[in-house]
Amino acid sequence: MSDQPDEKPINALAALFGLVDRPGAATRIFYALAALCAFLFLLDFTYKKYGYFEFEALPGIYGIYGFVMFTVLILVAKALRVLIKRHEDYYGEKSIDAEEYPRDQLERIEHEY
């Protein structure tokens, strides 16, 4: 018998998700997705399209359209935020957060960092 304790086998999905937790993984994923998008965009030039409208036959039109619409969606959301944003004390005294608690009845827990 060995002196080491039995280790549980790692689930395949857990091992896959463990790869994204490593340093620099986010950068590699970003570049991989950018390369995939560029490859698919270039692949769009290799065949003839037959669209209902003339502009649908342009190479890469759906990728460009998706990028433009996503950008417009973000900009509209930022503008909409200005219209619907409320101040922190919007609900006033009726808010639960506005309730005052007696300091001597609160349990204080000190954390070590």
PDB file of N, CA and C in Angstrom:
ATOM      1  N   MET A   1       0.840  -1.180   0.000  1.00  0.00           N
ATOM      2  CA  MET A   1       0.000   0.000   0.000  1.00  0.00           C
ATOM      3  C   MET A   1       0.886   1.243   0.000  1.00  0.00           C
ATOM      4  N   SER A   2       0.402   2.281  -0.630  1.00  0.00           N
ATOM      5  CA  SER A   2       1.181   3.516  -0.679  1.00  0.00           C
ATOM      6  C   SER A   2       0.839   4.404   0.500  1.00  0.00           C
ATOM      7  N   ASP A   3       1.749   5.317   0.787  1.00  0.00           N
ATOM      8  CA  ASP A   3       1.558   6.236   1.904  1.00  0.00           C
ATOM      9  C   ASP A   3       0.657   7.412   1.535  1.00  0.00           C
ATOM     10  N   GLN A   4       0.403   7.629   0.259  1.00  0.00           N
ATOM     11  CA  GLN A   4      -0.398   8.773  -0.166  1.00  0.00           C
ATOM     12  C   GLN A   4      -1.880   8.423  -0.093  1.00  0.00           C
ATOM     13  N   PRO A   5      -2.699   9.412   0.303  1.00  0.00           N
ATOM     14  CA  PRO A   5      -4.144   9.153   0.367  1.00  0.00           C
ATOM     15  C   PRO A   5      -4.720   9.018  -1.044  1.00  0.00           C
ATOM     16  N   ASP A   6      -5.815   8.321  -1.128  1.00  0.00           N
ATOM     17  CA  ASP A   6      -6.479   8.154  -2.419  1.00  0.00           C
ATOM     18  C   ASP A   6      -7.045   9.493  -2.882  1.00  0.00           C
ATOM     19  N   GLU A   7      -6.691   9.870  -4.110  1.00  0.00           N
ATOM     20  CA  GLU A   7      -7.208  11.115  -4.667  1.00  0.00           C
ATOM     21  C   GLU A   7      -8.415  10.805  -5.538  1.00  0.00           C
ATOM     22  N   LYS A   8      -9.409  11.675  -5.486  1.00  0.00           N
ATOM     23  CA  LYS A   8     -10.593  11.489  -6.313  1.00  0.00           C
ATOM     24  C   LYS A   8     -10.254  11.830  -7.756  1.00  0.00           C
ATOM     25  N   PRO A   9     -10.747  11.053  -8.698  1.00  0.00           N
ATOM     26  CA  PRO A   9     -10.505  11.406 -10.106  1.00  0.00           C
ATOM     27  C   PRO A   9     -11.270  12.675 -10.462  1.00  0.00           C
ATOM     28  N   ILE A  10     -10.655  13.493 -11.286  1.00  0.00           N
ATOM     29  CA  ILE A  10     -11.271  14.750 -11.687  1.00  0.00           C
ATOM     30  C   ILE A  10     -12.228  14.482 -12.840  1.00  0.00           C
ATOM     31  N   ASN A  11     -13.403  15.009 -12.718  1.00  0.00           N
ATOM     32  CA  ASN A  11     -14.393  14.920 -13.780  1.00  0.00           C
ATOM     33  C   ASN A  11     -13.830  15.610 -15.017  1.00  0.00           C
ATOM     34  N   ALA A  12     -14.149  15.107 -16.209  1.00  0.00           N
ATOM     35  CA  ALA A  12     -13.625  15.681 -17.451  1.00  0.00           C
ATOM     36  C   ALA A  12     -14.081  17.131 -17.623  1.00  0.00           C
ATOM     37  N   LEU A  13     -15.320  17.415 -17.262  1.00  0.00           N
ATOM     38  CA  LEU A  13     -15.828  18.789 -17.383  1.00  0.00           C
ATOM     39  C   LEU A  13     -15.130  19.705 -16.385  1.00  0.00           C
ATOM     40  N   ALA A  14     -14.873  19.206 -15.193  1.00  0.00           N
ATOM     41  CA  ALA A  14     -14.162  20.002 -14.189  1.00  0.00           C
ATOM     42  C   ALA A  14     -12.739  20.284 -14.648  1.00  0.00           C
ATOM     43  N   ALA A  15     -12.113  19.322 -15.287  1.00  0.00           N
ATOM     44  CA  ALA A  15     -10.757  19.527 -15.796  1.00  0.00           C
ATOM     45  C   ALA A  15     -10.757  20.568 -16.915  1.00  0.00           C
ATOM     46  N   LEU A  16     -11.790  20.533 -17.757  1.00  0.00           N
ATOM     47  CA  LEU A  16     -11.903  21.509 -18.838  1.00  0.00           C
ATOM     48  C   LEU A  16     -12.087  22.918 -18.285  1.00  0.00           C
ATOM     49  N   PHE A  17     -12.954  23.057 -17.299  1.00  0.00           N
ATOM     50  CA  PHE A  17     -13.168  24.375 -16.703  1.00  0.00           C
ATOM     51  C   PHE A  17     -11.966  24.818 -15.876  1.00  0.00           C
ATOM     52  N   GLY A  18     -11.185  23.884 -15.395  1.00  0.00           N
ATOM     53  CA  GLY A  18      -9.975  24.227 -14.661  1.00  0.00           C
ATOM     54  C   GLY A  18      -8.936  24.885 -15.546  1.00  0.00           C
ATOM     55  N   LEU A  19      -9.012  24.633 -16.839  1.00  0.00           N
ATOM     56  CA  LEU A  19      -8.063  25.252 -17.764  1.00  0.00           C
ATOM     57  C   LEU A  19      -8.248  26.762 -17.856  1.00  0.00           C
ATOM     58  N   VAL A  20      -9.466  27.242 -17.682  1.00  0.00           N
ATOM     59  CA  VAL A  20      -9.712  28.682 -17.790  1.00  0.00           C
ATOM     60  C   VAL A  20      -9.303  29.428 -16.534  1.00  0.00           C
ATOM     61  N   ASP A  21      -8.966  28.701 -15.490  1.00  0.00           N
ATOM     62  CA  ASP A  21      -8.583  29.332 -14.235  1.00  0.00           C
ATOM     63  C   ASP A  21      -7.092  29.637 -14.171  1.00  0.00           C
ATOM     64  N   ARG A  22      -6.361  29.171 -15.143  1.00  0.00           N
ATOM     65  CA  ARG A  22      -4.916  29.375 -15.145  1.00  0.00           C
ATOM     66  C   ARG A  22      -4.570  30.803 -15.565  1.00  0.00           C
ATOM     67  N   PRO A  23      -3.399  31.302 -15.146  1.00  0.00           N
ATOM     68  CA  PRO A  23      -2.983  32.653 -15.537  1.00  0.00           C
ATOM     69  C   PRO A  23      -2.836  32.775 -17.054  1.00  0.00           C
ATOM     70  N   GLY A  24      -3.355  33.854 -17.599  1.00  0.00           N
ATOM     71  CA  GLY A  24      -3.252  34.116 -19.028  1.00  0.00           C
ATOM     72  C   GLY A  24      -4.288  33.394 -19.868  1.00  0.00           C
ATOM     73  N   ALA A  25      -5.181  32.635 -19.247  1.00  0.00           N
ATOM     74  CA  ALA A  25      -6.179  31.879 -20.005  1.00  0.00           C
ATOM     75  C   ALA A  25      -7.165  32.807 -20.700  1.00  0.00           C
ATOM     76  N   ALA A  26      -7.552  33.895 -20.052  1.00  0.00           N
ATOM     77  CA  ALA A  26      -8.518  34.821 -20.651  1.00  0.00           C
ATOM     78  C   ALA A  26      -7.949  35.436 -21.929  1.00  0.00           C
ATOM     79  N   THR A  27      -6.678  35.761 -21.921  1.00  0.00           N
ATOM     80  CA  THR A  27      -6.035  36.337 -23.105  1.00  0.00           C
ATOM     81  C   THR A  27      -5.998  35.320 -24.238  1.00  0.00           C
ATOM     82  N   ARG A  28      -5.663  34.069 -23.909  1.00  0.00           N
ATOM     83  CA  ARG A  28      -5.633  33.026 -24.942  1.00  0.00           C
ATOM     84  C   ARG A  28      -7.019  32.772 -25.523  1.00  0.00           C
ATOM     85  N   ILE A  29      -8.035  32.768 -24.680  1.00  0.00           N
ATOM     86  CA  ILE A  29      -9.411  32.561 -25.157  1.00  0.00           C
ATOM     87  C   ILE A  29      -9.831  33.714 -26.059  1.00  0.00           C
ATOM     88  N   PHE A  30      -9.496  34.935 -25.678  1.00  0.00           N
ATOM     89  CA  PHE A  30      -9.836  36.099 -26.492  1.00  0.00           C
ATOM     90  C   PHE A  30      -9.195  35.999 -27.879  1.00  0.00           C
ATOM     91  N   TYR A  31      -7.903  35.684 -27.914  1.00  0.00           N
ATOM     92  CA  TYR A  31      -7.219  35.582 -29.210  1.00  0.00           C
ATOM     93  C   TYR A  31      -7.736  34.407 -30.037  1.00  0.00           C
ATOM     94  N   ALA A  32      -8.097  33.316 -29.389  1.00  0.00           N
ATOM     95  CA  ALA A  32      -8.659  32.179 -30.114  1.00  0.00           C
ATOM     96  C   ALA A  32     -10.007  32.543 -30.732  1.00  0.00           C
ATOM     97  N   LEU A  33     -10.849  33.246 -29.993  1.00  0.00           N
ATOM     98  CA  LEU A  33     -12.142  33.672 -30.535  1.00  0.00           C
ATOM     99  C   LEU A  33     -11.964  34.696 -31.650  1.00  0.00           C
ATOM    100  N   ALA A  34     -11.004  35.608 -31.497  1.00  0.00           N
ATOM    101  CA  ALA A  34     -10.736  36.596 -32.552  1.00  0.00           C
ATOM    102  C   ALA A  34     -10.239  35.905 -33.814  1.00  0.00           C
ATOM    103  N   ALA A  35      -9.373  34.903 -33.671  1.00  0.00           N
ATOM    104  CA  ALA A  35      -8.874  34.153 -34.829  1.00  0.00           C
ATOM    105  C   ALA A  35     -10.004  33.375 -35.490  1.00  0.00           C
ATOM    106  N   LEU A  36     -10.893  32.781 -34.691  1.00  0.00           N
ATOM    107  CA  LEU A  36     -12.036  32.059 -35.248  1.00  0.00           C
ATOM    108  C   LEU A  36     -12.949  32.995 -36.023  1.00  0.00           C
ATOM    109  N   CYS A  37     -13.216  34.173 -35.479  1.00  0.00           N
ATOM    110  CA  CYS A  37     -14.055  35.152 -36.177  1.00  0.00           C
ATOM    111  C   CYS A  37     -13.405  35.603 -37.482  1.00  0.00           C
ATOM    112  N   ALA A  38     -12.098  35.855 -37.461  1.00  0.00           N
ATOM    113  CA  ALA A  38     -11.397  36.265 -38.677  1.00  0.00           C
ATOM    114  C   ALA A  38     -11.420  35.143 -39.711  1.00  0.00           C
ATOM    115  N   PHE A  39     -11.242  33.898 -39.276  1.00  0.00           N
ATOM    116  CA  PHE A  39     -11.288  32.762 -40.189  1.00  0.00           C
ATOM    117  C   PHE A  39     -12.668  32.624 -40.827  1.00  0.00           C
ATOM    118  N   LEU A  40     -13.713  32.736 -40.031  1.00  0.00           N
ATOM    119  CA  LEU A  40     -15.070  32.626 -40.571  1.00  0.00           C
ATOM    120  C   LEU A  40     -15.395  33.783 -41.499  1.00  0.00           C
ATOM    121  N   PHE A  41     -14.878  34.972 -41.195  1.00  0.00           N
ATOM    122  CA  PHE A  41     -15.088  36.122 -42.073  1.00  0.00           C
ATOM    123  C   PHE A  41     -14.414  35.888 -43.423  1.00  0.00           C
ATOM    124  N   LEU A  42     -13.184  35.385 -43.398  1.00  0.00           N
ATOM    125  CA  LEU A  42     -12.469  35.102 -44.647  1.00  0.00           C
ATOM    126  C   LEU A  42     -13.103  33.935 -45.403  1.00  0.00           C
ATOM    127  N   LEU A  43     -13.647  32.993 -44.685  1.00  0.00           N
ATOM    128  CA  LEU A  43     -14.312  31.856 -45.311  1.00  0.00           C
ATOM    129  C   LEU A  43     -15.557  32.293 -46.076  1.00  0.00           C
ATOM    130  N   ASP A  44     -16.128  33.403 -45.671  1.00  0.00           N
ATOM    131  CA  ASP A  44     -17.327  33.924 -46.330  1.00  0.00           C
ATOM    132  C   ASP A  44     -17.040  34.395 -47.756  1.00  0.00           C
ATOM    133  N   PHE A  45     -15.775  34.619 -48.088  1.00  0.00           N
ATOM    134  CA  PHE A  45     -15.400  35.048 -49.435  1.00  0.00           C
ATOM    135  C   PHE A  45     -15.274  33.868 -50.404  1.00  0.00           C
ATOM    136  N   THR A  46     -15.374  32.633 -49.936  1.00  0.00           N
ATOM    137  CA  THR A  46     -15.055  31.468 -50.758  1.00  0.00           C
ATOM    138  C   THR A  46     -16.244  30.863 -51.501  1.00  0.00           C
ATOM    139  N   TYR A  47     -17.444  31.353 -51.279  1.00  0.00           N
ATOM    140  CA  TYR A  47     -18.592  30.772 -51.975  1.00  0.00           C
ATOM    141  C   TYR A  47     -19.546  31.881 -52.423  1.00  0.00           C
ATOM    142  N   LYS A  48     -20.400  31.563 -53.359  1.00  0.00           N
ATOM    143  CA  LYS A  48     -21.354  32.536 -53.881  1.00  0.00           C
ATOM    144  C   LYS A  48     -22.639  32.443 -53.078  1.00  0.00           C
ATOM    145  N   LYS A  49     -23.132  33.593 -52.678  1.00  0.00           N
ATOM    146  CA  LYS A  49     -24.359  33.648 -51.892  1.00  0.00           C
ATOM    147  C   LYS A  49     -25.505  34.120 -52.776  1.00  0.00           C
ATOM    148  N   TYR A  50     -26.678  33.628 -52.484  1.00  0.00           N
ATOM    149  CA  TYR A  50     -27.888  34.027 -53.202  1.00  0.00           C
ATOM    150  C   TYR A  50     -28.878  34.546 -52.176  1.00  0.00           C
ATOM    151  N   GLY A  51     -28.841  35.852 -51.937  1.00  0.00           N
ATOM    152  CA  GLY A  51     -29.727  36.442 -50.959  1.00  0.00           C
ATOM    153  C   GLY A  51     -30.977  37.010 -51.600  1.00  0.00           C
ATOM    154  N   TYR A  52     -31.935  37.296 -50.775  1.00  0.00           N
ATOM    155  CA  TYR A  52     -33.180  37.899 -51.249  1.00  0.00           C
ATOM    156  C   TYR A  52     -32.935  39.340 -51.681  1.00  0.00           C
ATOM    157  N   PHE A  53     -32.137  40.067 -50.898  1.00  0.00           N
ATOM    158  CA  PHE A  53     -31.755  41.435 -51.245  1.00  0.00           C
ATOM    159  C   PHE A  53     -30.333  41.432 -51.788  1.00  0.00           C
ATOM    160  N   GLU A  54     -29.988  42.468 -52.540  1.00  0.00           N
ATOM    161  CA  GLU A  54     -28.664  42.533 -53.166  1.00  0.00           C
ATOM    162  C   GLU A  54     -27.538  42.621 -52.132  1.00  0.00           C
ATOM    163  N   PHE A  55     -27.754  43.371 -51.062  1.00  0.00           N
ATOM    164  CA  PHE A  55     -26.676  43.550 -50.082  1.00  0.00           C
ATOM    165  C   PHE A  55     -26.358  42.246 -49.352  1.00  0.00           C
ATOM    166  N   GLU A  56     -27.268  41.275 -49.360  1.00  0.00           N
ATOM    167  CA  GLU A  56     -27.001  39.994 -48.701  1.00  0.00           C
ATOM    168  C   GLU A  56     -25.931  39.179 -49.419  1.00  0.00           C
ATOM    169  N   ALA A  57     -25.654  39.520 -50.662  1.00  0.00           N
ATOM    170  CA  ALA A  57     -24.633  38.797 -51.427  1.00  0.00           C
ATOM    171  C   ALA A  57     -23.227  39.304 -51.132  1.00  0.00           C
ATOM    172  N   LEU A  58     -23.110  40.412 -50.411  1.00  0.00           N
ATOM    173  CA  LEU A  58     -21.787  40.949 -50.078  1.00  0.00           C
ATOM    174  C   LEU A  58     -21.070  40.014 -49.105  1.00  0.00           C
ATOM    175  N   PRO A  59     -19.794  39.770 -49.313  1.00  0.00           N
ATOM    176  CA  PRO A  59     -19.042  38.900 -48.400  1.00  0.00           C
ATOM    177  C   PRO A  59     -18.895  39.539 -47.010  1.00  0.00           C
ATOM    178  N   GLY A  60     -19.156  38.768 -45.989  1.00  0.00           N
ATOM    179  CA  GLY A  60     -18.974  39.233 -44.620  1.00  0.00           C
ATOM    180  C   GLY A  60     -20.053  40.158 -44.110  1.00  0.00           C
ATOM    181  N   ILE A  61     -21.173  40.284 -44.822  1.00  0.00           N
ATOM    182  CA  ILE A  61     -22.196  41.263 -44.446  1.00  0.00           C
ATOM    183  C   ILE A  61     -22.837  40.920 -43.103  1.00  0.00           C
ATOM    184  N   TYR A  62     -23.032  39.644 -42.836  1.00  0.00           N
ATOM    185  CA  TYR A  62     -23.683  39.285 -41.572  1.00  0.00           C
ATOM    186  C   TYR A  62     -22.760  39.509 -40.370  1.00  0.00           C
ATOM    187  N   GLY A  63     -21.484  39.292 -40.526  1.00  0.00           N
ATOM    188  CA  GLY A  63     -20.535  39.598 -39.450  1.00  0.00           C
ATOM    189  C   GLY A  63     -20.454  41.089 -39.185  1.00  0.00           C
ATOM    190  N   ILE A  64     -20.404  41.867 -40.260  1.00  0.00           N
ATOM    191  CA  ILE A  64     -20.368  43.330 -40.111  1.00  0.00           C
ATOM    192  C   ILE A  64     -21.668  43.832 -39.501  1.00  0.00           C
ATOM    193  N   TYR A  65     -22.787  43.320 -39.994  1.00  0.00           N
ATOM    194  CA  TYR A  65     -24.092  43.722 -39.475  1.00  0.00           C
ATOM    195  C   TYR A  65     -24.212  43.381 -37.983  1.00  0.00           C
ATOM    196  N   GLY A  66     -23.781  42.183 -37.608  1.00  0.00           N
ATOM    197  CA  GLY A  66     -23.844  41.791 -36.201  1.00  0.00           C
ATOM    198  C   GLY A  66     -22.980  42.671 -35.316  1.00  0.00           C
ATOM    199  N   PHE A  67     -21.775  43.001 -35.785  1.00  0.00           N
ATOM    200  CA  PHE A  67     -20.889  43.859 -35.007  1.00  0.00           C
ATOM    201  C   PHE A  67     -21.473  45.260 -34.843  1.00  0.00           C
ATOM    202  N   VAL A  68     -22.004  45.816 -35.933  1.00  0.00           N
ATOM    203  CA  VAL A  68     -22.588  47.166 -35.884  1.00  0.00           C
ATOM    204  C   VAL A  68     -23.807  47.179 -34.966  1.00  0.00           C
ATOM    205  N   MET A  69     -24.679  46.187 -35.080  1.00  0.00           N
ATOM    206  CA  MET A  69     -25.886  46.165 -34.251  1.00  0.00           C
ATOM    207  C   MET A  69     -25.561  45.955 -32.778  1.00  0.00           C
ATOM    208  N   PHE A  70     -24.547  45.149 -32.480  1.00  0.00           N
ATOM    209  CA  PHE A  70     -24.151  44.963 -31.094  1.00  0.00           C
ATOM    210  C   PHE A  70     -23.609  46.267 -30.517  1.00  0.00           C
ATOM    211  N   THR A  71     -22.822  46.989 -31.316  1.00  0.00           N
ATOM    212  CA  THR A  71     -22.287  48.279 -30.875  1.00  0.00           C
ATOM    213  C   THR A  71     -23.414  49.278 -30.648  1.00  0.00           C
ATOM    214  N   VAL A  72     -24.385  49.306 -31.554  1.00  0.00           N
ATOM    215  CA  VAL A  72     -25.543  50.204 -31.399  1.00  0.00           C
ATOM    216  C   VAL A  72     -26.325  49.831 -30.146  1.00  0.00           C
ATOM    217  N   LEU A  73     -26.492  48.544 -29.884  1.00  0.00           N
ATOM    218  CA  LEU A  73     -27.211  48.092 -28.691  1.00  0.00           C
ATOM    219  C   LEU A  73     -26.533  48.581 -27.413  1.00  0.00           C
ATOM    220  N   ILE A  74     -25.212  48.516 -27.367  1.00  0.00           N
ATOM    221  CA  ILE A  74     -24.474  48.990 -26.196  1.00  0.00           C
ATOM    222  C   ILE A  74     -24.642  50.493 -26.021  1.00  0.00           C
ATOM    223  N   LEU A  75     -24.546  51.244 -27.116  1.00  0.00           N
ATOM    224  CA  LEU A  75     -24.687  52.699 -27.036  1.00  0.00           C
ATOM    225  C   LEU A  75     -26.099  53.103 -26.624  1.00  0.00           C
ATOM    226  N   VAL A  76     -27.111  52.414 -27.123  1.00  0.00           N
ATOM    227  CA  VAL A  76     -28.491  52.703 -26.734  1.00  0.00           C
ATOM    228  C   VAL A  76     -28.702  52.378 -25.265  1.00  0.00           C
ATOM    229  N   ALA A  77     -28.115  51.292 -24.789  1.00  0.00           N
ATOM    230  CA  ALA A  77     -28.240  50.933 -23.375  1.00  0.00           C
ATOM    231  C   ALA A  77     -27.596  51.990 -22.484  1.00  0.00           C
ATOM    232  N   LYS A  78     -26.461  52.539 -22.908  1.00  0.00           N
ATOM    233  CA  LYS A  78     -25.820  53.602 -22.119  1.00  0.00           C
ATOM    234  C   LYS A  78     -26.694  54.848 -22.083  1.00  0.00           C
ATOM    235  N   ALA A  79     -27.315  55.191 -23.212  1.00  0.00           N
ATOM    236  CA  ALA A  79     -28.190  56.357 -23.254  1.00  0.00           C
ATOM    237  C   ALA A  79     -29.444  56.119 -22.425  1.00  0.00           C
ATOM    238  N   LEU A  80     -29.983  54.911 -22.485  1.00  0.00           N
ATOM    239  CA  LEU A  80     -31.183  54.583 -21.722  1.00  0.00           C
ATOM    240  C   LEU A  80     -30.919  54.614 -20.227  1.00  0.00           C
ATOM    241  N   ARG A  81     -29.708  54.285 -19.835  1.00  0.00           N
ATOM    242  CA  ARG A  81     -29.347  54.311 -18.418  1.00  0.00           C
ATOM    243  C   ARG A  81     -29.494  55.713 -17.836  1.00  0.00           C
ATOM    244  N   VAL A  82     -29.166  56.715 -18.623  1.00  0.00           N
ATOM    245  CA  VAL A  82     -29.293  58.095 -18.162  1.00  0.00           C
ATOM    246  C   VAL A  82     -30.759  58.420 -17.873  1.00  0.00           C
ATOM    247  N   LEU A  83     -31.667  57.888 -18.671  1.00  0.00           N
ATOM    248  CA  LEU A  83     -33.086  58.178 -18.504  1.00  0.00           C
ATOM    249  C   LEU A  83     -33.722  57.446 -17.335  1.00  0.00           C
ATOM    250  N   ILE A  84     -33.313  56.219 -17.064  1.00  0.00           N
ATOM    251  CA  ILE A  84     -34.004  55.428 -16.044  1.00  0.00           C
ATOM    252  C   ILE A  84     -33.233  55.304 -14.733  1.00  0.00           C
ATOM    253  N   LYS A  85     -32.050  55.873 -14.651  1.00  0.00           N
ATOM    254  CA  LYS A  85     -31.253  55.776 -13.427  1.00  0.00           C
ATOM    255  C   LYS A  85     -31.906  56.583 -12.302  1.00  0.00           C
ATOM    256  N   ARG A  86     -31.909  56.046 -11.111  1.00  0.00           N
ATOM    257  CA  ARG A  86     -32.469  56.709  -9.935  1.00  0.00           C
ATOM    258  C   ARG A  86     -31.355  56.963  -8.919  1.00  0.00           C
ATOM    259  N   HIS A  87     -31.567  57.973  -8.097  1.00  0.00           N
ATOM    260  CA  HIS A  87     -30.604  58.259  -7.037  1.00  0.00           C
ATOM    261  C   HIS A  87     -30.645  57.159  -5.985  1.00  0.00           C
ATOM    262  N   GLU A  88     -29.610  57.103  -5.192  1.00  0.00           N
ATOM    263  CA  GLU A  88     -29.505  56.056  -4.182  1.00  0.00           C
ATOM    264  C   GLU A  88     -30.640  56.128  -3.170  1.00  0.00           C
ATOM    265  N   ASP A  89     -31.083  57.319  -2.831  1.00  0.00           N
ATOM    266  CA  ASP A  89     -32.156  57.489  -1.843  1.00  0.00           C
ATOM    267  C   ASP A  89     -33.500  57.767  -2.510  1.00  0.00           C
ATOM    268  N   TYR A  90     -33.746  57.204  -3.673  1.00  0.00           N
ATOM    269  CA  TYR A  90     -34.966  57.460  -4.441  1.00  0.00           C
ATOM    270  C   TYR A  90     -36.212  57.063  -3.661  1.00  0.00           C
ATOM    271  N   TYR A  91     -36.168  55.924  -2.977  1.00  0.00           N
ATOM    272  CA  TYR A  91     -37.346  55.453  -2.260  1.00  0.00           C
ATOM    273  C   TYR A  91     -37.485  56.104  -0.890  1.00  0.00           C
ATOM    274  N   GLY A  92     -36.500  56.827  -0.467  1.00  0.00           N
ATOM    275  CA  GLY A  92     -36.589  57.624   0.751  1.00  0.00           C
ATOM    276  C   GLY A  92     -36.685  56.810   2.017  1.00  0.00           C
ATOM    277  N   GLU A  93     -37.490  57.301   2.946  1.00  0.00           N
ATOM    278  CA  GLU A  93     -37.575  56.707   4.284  1.00  0.00           C
ATOM    279  C   GLU A  93     -38.306  55.368   4.291  1.00  0.00           C
ATOM    280  N   LYS A  94     -39.049  55.042   3.252  1.00  0.00           N
ATOM    281  CA  LYS A  94     -39.790  53.779   3.219  1.00  0.00           C
ATOM    282  C   LYS A  94     -38.907  52.605   2.802  1.00  0.00           C
ATOM    283  N   SER A  95     -37.706  52.895   2.423  1.00  0.00           N
ATOM    284  CA  SER A  95     -36.790  51.842   2.005  1.00  0.00           C
ATOM    285  C   SER A  95     -36.239  51.101   3.212  1.00  0.00           C
ATOM    286  N   ILE A  96     -35.998  49.815   3.045  1.00  0.00           N
ATOM    287  CA  ILE A  96     -35.419  49.028   4.134  1.00  0.00           C
ATOM    288  C   ILE A  96     -34.025  49.536   4.456  1.00  0.00           C
ATOM    289  N   ASP A  97     -33.298  49.968   3.444  1.00  0.00           N
ATOM    290  CA  ASP A  97     -31.937  50.453   3.666  1.00  0.00           C
ATOM    291  C   ASP A  97     -31.901  51.726   4.485  1.00  0.00           C
ATOM    292  N   ALA A  98     -33.012  52.463   4.538  1.00  0.00           N
ATOM    293  CA  ALA A  98     -33.040  53.720   5.275  1.00  0.00           C
ATOM    294  C   ALA A  98     -33.256  53.505   6.769  1.00  0.00           C
ATOM    295  N   GLU A  99     -33.564  52.275   7.162  1.00  0.00           N
ATOM    296  CA  GLU A  99     -33.835  51.988   8.563  1.00  0.00           C
ATOM    297  C   GLU A  99     -32.558  52.125   9.388  1.00  0.00           C
ATOM    298  N   GLU A 100     -32.654  52.803  10.503  1.00  0.00           N
ATOM    299  CA  GLU A 100     -31.511  52.990  11.396  1.00  0.00           C
ATOM    300  C   GLU A 100     -31.511  51.884  12.449  1.00  0.00           C
ATOM    301  N   TYR A 101     -30.355  51.324  12.688  1.00  0.00           N
ATOM    302  CA  TYR A 101     -30.215  50.271  13.680  1.00  0.00           C
ATOM    303  C   TYR A 101     -29.429  50.810  14.864  1.00  0.00           C
ATOM    304  N   PRO A 102     -29.838  50.447  16.089  1.00  0.00           N
ATOM    305  CA  PRO A 102     -29.057  50.877  17.260  1.00  0.00           C
ATOM    306  C   PRO A 102     -27.682  50.218  17.251  1.00  0.00           C
ATOM    307  N   ARG A 103     -26.647  51.013  17.380  1.00  0.00           N
ATOM    308  CA  ARG A 103     -25.273  50.511  17.295  1.00  0.00           C
ATOM    309  C   ARG A 103     -24.954  49.503  18.406  1.00  0.00           C
ATOM    310  N   ASP A 104     -25.539  49.669  19.591  1.00  0.00           N
ATOM    311  CA  ASP A 104     -25.205  48.760  20.683  1.00  0.00           C
ATOM    312  C   ASP A 104     -25.845  47.381  20.510  1.00  0.00           C
ATOM    313  N   GLN A 105     -26.801  47.239  19.576  1.00  0.00           N
ATOM    314  CA  GLN A 105     -27.457  45.949  19.357  1.00  0.00           C
ATOM    315  C   GLN A 105     -26.925  45.230  18.106  1.00  0.00           C
ATOM    316  N   LEU A 106     -25.990  45.840  17.444  1.00  0.00           N
ATOM    317  CA  LEU A 106     -25.415  45.206  16.266  1.00  0.00           C
ATOM    318  C   LEU A 106     -24.231  44.337  16.657  1.00  0.00           C
ATOM    319  N   GLU A 107     -24.145  43.160  16.066  1.00  0.00           N
ATOM    320  CA  GLU A 107     -23.017  42.271  16.330  1.00  0.00           C
ATOM    321  C   GLU A 107     -21.893  42.625  15.368  1.00  0.00           C
ATOM    322  N   ARG A 108     -20.760  43.016  15.904  1.00  0.00           N
ATOM    323  CA  ARG A 108     -19.624  43.379  15.069  1.00  0.00           C
ATOM    324  C   ARG A 108     -18.658  42.215  15.020  1.00  0.00           C
ATOM    325  N   ILE A 109     -18.265  41.863  13.818  1.00  0.00           N
ATOM    326  CA  ILE A 109     -17.324  40.767  13.625  1.00  0.00           C
ATOM    327  C   ILE A 109     -16.078  41.348  12.976  1.00  0.00           C
ATOM    328  N   GLU A 110     -14.952  41.121  13.602  1.00  0.00           N
ATOM    329  CA  GLU A 110     -13.690  41.586  13.064  1.00  0.00           C
ATOM    330  C   GLU A 110     -13.090  40.481  12.200  1.00  0.00           C
ATOM    331  N   HIS A 111     -12.640  40.840  11.027  1.00  0.00           N
ATOM    332  CA  HIS A 111     -12.047  39.877  10.101  1.00  0.00           C
ATOM    333  C   HIS A 111     -10.546  40.143   9.997  1.00  0.00           C
ATOM    334  N   GLU A 112      -9.793  39.078   9.916  1.00  0.00           N
ATOM    335  CA  GLU A 112      -8.356  39.210   9.723  1.00  0.00           C
ATOM    336  C   GLU A 112      -8.056  38.998   8.255  1.00  0.00           C
ATOM    337  N   TYR A 113      -7.308  39.892   7.662  1.00  0.00           N
ATOM    338  CA  TYR A 113      -6.977  39.794   6.237  1.00  0.00           C
ATOM    339  C   TYR A 113      -5.533  39.478   6.035  1.00  0.00           C
TER     340      TYR A 113
END
